[in-house]
Amino acid sequence: MEVGVSMSAESFEGVSRDALEAMSVEQRDALPFGVVGFGPDTTVQIYNATEARMSGLDPFTVMGVPFFDAVAQCMNNFMVAQRFEDEPDIDAIIPYVLTLRMRPTKVRLRLLAADGATCRFILIER
């Protein structure tokens, strides 16, 4: 079976960092939650269609831009950005409130990183 094809592997809680990285753009775009992938320098490498639609941001304007400094400053804190600095391996779900460019919106964030991996992910479930 292809990576990311089964329903559980595509769920917010079930999808793995490796599966997200292996998915095609079309597969990530079809997920029912936002997916943001960024490198160790926080530069956005992946921004799926669901997140673009929910945030109102065009993927072409965020690709190559530092995520925490220019795209999601409301996540540039100890709860989100700092955890990627402090924890080389992370798979955590946290309740969060998005506040930038919108009225406060309750979401769940899933933070995914693996030591030595070139891409880290934030999944956003609204």
C-alpha atoms as a PDB file:
ATOM      1  CA  MET A   1       0.000   0.000   0.000  1.00  0.00           C
ATOM      2  CA  GLU A   2       1.212   3.491  -0.829  1.00  0.00           C
ATOM      3  CA  VAL A   3       2.368   5.719   2.053  1.00  0.00           C
ATOM      4  CA  GLY A   4      -0.441   7.889   3.385  1.00  0.00           C
ATOM      5  CA  VAL A   5      -3.252   6.061   1.586  1.00  0.00           C
ATOM      6  CA  SER A   6      -5.147   4.477   4.480  1.00  0.00           C
ATOM      7  CA  MET A   7      -7.569   6.682   6.401  1.00  0.00           C
ATOM      8  CA  SER A   8      -5.756   6.342   9.740  1.00  0.00           C
ATOM      9  CA  ALA A   9      -2.430   7.247   8.167  1.00  0.00           C
ATOM     10  CA  GLU A  10      -4.023  10.434   6.823  1.00  0.00           C
ATOM     11  CA  SER A  11      -5.654  11.491  10.085  1.00  0.00           C
ATOM     12  CA  PHE A  12      -4.408  14.436  12.129  1.00  0.00           C
ATOM     13  CA  GLU A  13      -3.308  12.087  14.916  1.00  0.00           C
ATOM     14  CA  GLY A  14      -2.159   9.192  12.740  1.00  0.00           C
ATOM     15  CA  VAL A  15      -0.040  10.628   9.955  1.00  0.00           C
ATOM     16  CA  SER A  16       3.714  10.364  10.505  1.00  0.00           C
ATOM     17  CA  ARG A  17       6.381  12.941   9.728  1.00  0.00           C
ATOM     18  CA  ASP A  18       7.942  10.516   7.237  1.00  0.00           C
ATOM     19  CA  ALA A  19       4.592   9.933   5.512  1.00  0.00           C
ATOM     20  CA  LEU A  20       4.009  13.681   5.188  1.00  0.00           C
ATOM     21  CA  GLU A  21       7.421  14.129   3.636  1.00  0.00           C
ATOM     22  CA  ALA A  22       6.846  11.235   1.214  1.00  0.00           C
ATOM     23  CA  MET A  23       3.405  12.446   0.070  1.00  0.00           C
ATOM     24  CA  SER A  24       2.913  14.164  -3.250  1.00  0.00           C
ATOM     25  CA  VAL A  25       1.725  17.756  -3.293  1.00  0.00           C
ATOM     26  CA  GLU A  26      -1.713  16.499  -4.345  1.00  0.00           C
ATOM     27  CA  GLN A  27      -1.906  14.060  -1.410  1.00  0.00           C
ATOM     28  CA  ARG A  28      -0.957  16.771   1.111  1.00  0.00           C
ATOM     29  CA  ASP A  29      -3.415  19.197  -0.505  1.00  0.00           C
ATOM     30  CA  ALA A  30      -6.223  16.638  -0.060  1.00  0.00           C
ATOM     31  CA  LEU A  31      -5.685  16.339   3.710  1.00  0.00           C
ATOM     32  CA  PRO A  32      -8.505  17.841   5.817  1.00  0.00           C
ATOM     33  CA  PHE A  33      -6.064  19.808   8.010  1.00  0.00           C
ATOM     34  CA  GLY A  34      -3.370  22.397   7.409  1.00  0.00           C
ATOM     35  CA  VAL A  35       0.189  21.246   6.777  1.00  0.00           C
ATOM     36  CA  VAL A  36       3.193  23.551   7.023  1.00  0.00           C
ATOM     37  CA  GLY A  37       6.654  22.099   6.456  1.00  0.00           C
ATOM     38  CA  PHE A  38       9.811  24.077   7.118  1.00  0.00           C
ATOM     39  CA  GLY A  39      13.547  23.523   7.261  1.00  0.00           C
ATOM     40  CA  PRO A  40      15.854  23.868  10.280  1.00  0.00           C
ATOM     41  CA  ASP A  41      16.141  27.585   9.432  1.00  0.00           C
ATOM     42  CA  THR A  42      12.271  27.783   9.604  1.00  0.00           C
ATOM     43  CA  THR A  43      11.984  28.637   5.897  1.00  0.00           C
ATOM     44  CA  VAL A  44       8.644  27.355   4.560  1.00  0.00           C
ATOM     45  CA  GLN A  45       9.075  24.427   2.156  1.00  0.00           C
ATOM     46  CA  ILE A  46       5.526  22.993   2.208  1.00  0.00           C
ATOM     47  CA  TYR A  47       2.202  24.818   2.546  1.00  0.00           C
ATOM     48  CA  ASN A  48      -0.794  22.712   1.637  1.00  0.00           C
ATOM     49  CA  ALA A  49      -4.009  23.883  -0.042  1.00  0.00           C
ATOM     50  CA  THR A  50      -6.092  23.326   3.098  1.00  0.00           C
ATOM     51  CA  GLU A  51      -3.886  25.665   5.137  1.00  0.00           C
ATOM     52  CA  ALA A  52      -3.856  28.219   2.314  1.00  0.00           C
ATOM     53  CA  ARG A  53      -7.659  28.180   2.181  1.00  0.00           C
ATOM     54  CA  MET A  54      -8.092  28.379   5.970  1.00  0.00           C
ATOM     55  CA  SER A  55      -5.441  31.066   6.539  1.00  0.00           C
ATOM     56  CA  GLY A  56      -6.254  33.099   3.435  1.00  0.00           C
ATOM     57  CA  LEU A  57      -2.568  33.147   2.481  1.00  0.00           C
ATOM     58  CA  ASP A  58      -1.383  32.294  -1.026  1.00  0.00           C
ATOM     59  CA  PRO A  59       1.199  29.460  -0.849  1.00  0.00           C
ATOM     60  CA  PHE A  60       3.435  31.312  -3.306  1.00  0.00           C
ATOM     61  CA  THR A  61       3.750  34.241  -0.898  1.00  0.00           C
ATOM     62  CA  VAL A  62       4.862  32.062   2.029  1.00  0.00           C
ATOM     63  CA  MET A  63       7.175  29.575   0.289  1.00  0.00           C
ATOM     64  CA  GLY A  64      10.812  30.374   1.104  1.00  0.00           C
ATOM     65  CA  VAL A  65       9.827  32.776   3.895  1.00  0.00           C
ATOM     66  CA  PRO A  66      10.817  32.293   7.569  1.00  0.00           C
ATOM     67  CA  PHE A  67       7.676  30.794   9.125  1.00  0.00           C
ATOM     68  CA  PHE A  68       7.880  32.102  12.683  1.00  0.00           C
ATOM     69  CA  ASP A  69       9.272  35.532  11.762  1.00  0.00           C
ATOM     70  CA  ALA A  70       7.100  36.449   8.773  1.00  0.00           C
ATOM     71  CA  VAL A  71       4.177  34.032   8.333  1.00  0.00           C
ATOM     72  CA  ALA A  72       3.004  32.963  11.795  1.00  0.00           C
ATOM     73  CA  GLN A  73       4.434  35.386  14.318  1.00  0.00           C
ATOM     74  CA  CYS A  74       1.707  34.305  16.764  1.00  0.00           C
ATOM     75  CA  MET A  75       3.520  30.938  17.011  1.00  0.00           C
ATOM     76  CA  ASN A  76       6.945  32.485  17.643  1.00  0.00           C
ATOM     77  CA  ASN A  77       6.956  31.642  21.347  1.00  0.00           C
ATOM     78  CA  PHE A  78       7.963  28.992  23.889  1.00  0.00           C
ATOM     79  CA  MET A  79       4.884  26.847  23.164  1.00  0.00           C
ATOM     80  CA  VAL A  80       5.629  26.314  19.468  1.00  0.00           C
ATOM     81  CA  ALA A  81       8.800  27.754  17.887  1.00  0.00           C
ATOM     82  CA  GLN A  82      11.011  27.184  20.933  1.00  0.00           C
ATOM     83  CA  ARG A  83      10.004  23.530  21.166  1.00  0.00           C
ATOM     84  CA  PHE A  84      11.517  22.894  17.738  1.00  0.00           C
ATOM     85  CA  GLU A  85      14.766  24.395  19.059  1.00  0.00           C
ATOM     86  CA  ASP A  86      14.712  22.486  22.352  1.00  0.00           C
ATOM     87  CA  GLU A  87      13.421  19.094  21.195  1.00  0.00           C
ATOM     88  CA  PRO A  88      15.128  17.460  18.182  1.00  0.00           C
ATOM     89  CA  ASP A  89      12.516  14.662  18.218  1.00  0.00           C
ATOM     90  CA  ILE A  90       8.974  15.823  18.770  1.00  0.00           C
ATOM     91  CA  ASP A  91       5.480  14.518  18.149  1.00  0.00           C
ATOM     92  CA  ALA A  92       3.113  16.565  20.290  1.00  0.00           C
ATOM     93  CA  ILE A  93      -0.460  17.788  20.016  1.00  0.00           C
ATOM     94  CA  ILE A  94      -1.273  21.035  21.805  1.00  0.00           C
ATOM     95  CA  PRO A  95      -4.414  23.174  22.033  1.00  0.00           C
ATOM     96  CA  TYR A  96      -3.678  26.650  20.701  1.00  0.00           C
ATOM     97  CA  VAL A  97      -5.334  29.934  19.746  1.00  0.00           C
ATOM     98  CA  LEU A  98      -4.335  31.565  16.458  1.00  0.00           C
ATOM     99  CA  THR A  99      -4.479  35.357  16.650  1.00  0.00           C
ATOM    100  CA  LEU A 100      -2.575  36.785  13.688  1.00  0.00           C
ATOM    101  CA  ARG A 101      -4.576  38.234  10.775  1.00  0.00           C
ATOM    102  CA  MET A 102      -7.841  36.851  12.184  1.00  0.00           C
ATOM    103  CA  ARG A 103     -10.099  36.891  15.172  1.00  0.00           C
ATOM    104  CA  PRO A 104      -8.838  34.446  17.829  1.00  0.00           C
ATOM    105  CA  THR A 105      -9.396  30.921  16.528  1.00  0.00           C
ATOM    106  CA  LYS A 106      -9.094  27.798  18.677  1.00  0.00           C
ATOM    107  CA  VAL A 107      -7.132  25.047  16.948  1.00  0.00           C
ATOM    108  CA  ARG A 108      -5.085  21.968  17.704  1.00  0.00           C
ATOM    109  CA  LEU A 109      -1.477  21.976  16.573  1.00  0.00           C
ATOM    110  CA  ARG A 110       0.610  18.898  16.012  1.00  0.00           C
ATOM    111  CA  LEU A 111       4.353  19.515  16.120  1.00  0.00           C
ATOM    112  CA  LEU A 112       6.482  16.964  14.265  1.00  0.00           C
ATOM    113  CA  ALA A 113      10.271  16.816  14.019  1.00  0.00           C
ATOM    114  CA  ALA A 114      12.927  14.125  13.881  1.00  0.00           C
ATOM    115  CA  ASP A 115      16.591  14.590  14.713  1.00  0.00           C
ATOM    116  CA  GLY A 116      18.534  15.001  11.477  1.00  0.00           C
ATOM    117  CA  ALA A 117      15.451  15.364   9.262  1.00  0.00           C
ATOM    118  CA  THR A 118      15.449  18.196   6.745  1.00  0.00           C
ATOM    119  CA  CYS A 119      11.773  19.050   7.214  1.00  0.00           C
ATOM    120  CA  ARG A 120       9.753  19.794  10.339  1.00  0.00           C
ATOM    121  CA  PHE A 121       5.975  20.055  10.333  1.00  0.00           C
ATOM    122  CA  ILE A 122       3.154  21.884  12.027  1.00  0.00           C
ATOM    123  CA  LEU A 123      -0.286  20.419  11.402  1.00  0.00           C
ATOM    124  CA  ILE A 124      -3.243  22.705  12.086  1.00  0.00           C
ATOM    125  CA  GLU A 125      -6.676  21.298  12.831  1.00  0.00           C
ATOM    126  CA  ARG A 126      -9.457  23.881  12.960  1.00  0.00           C
END
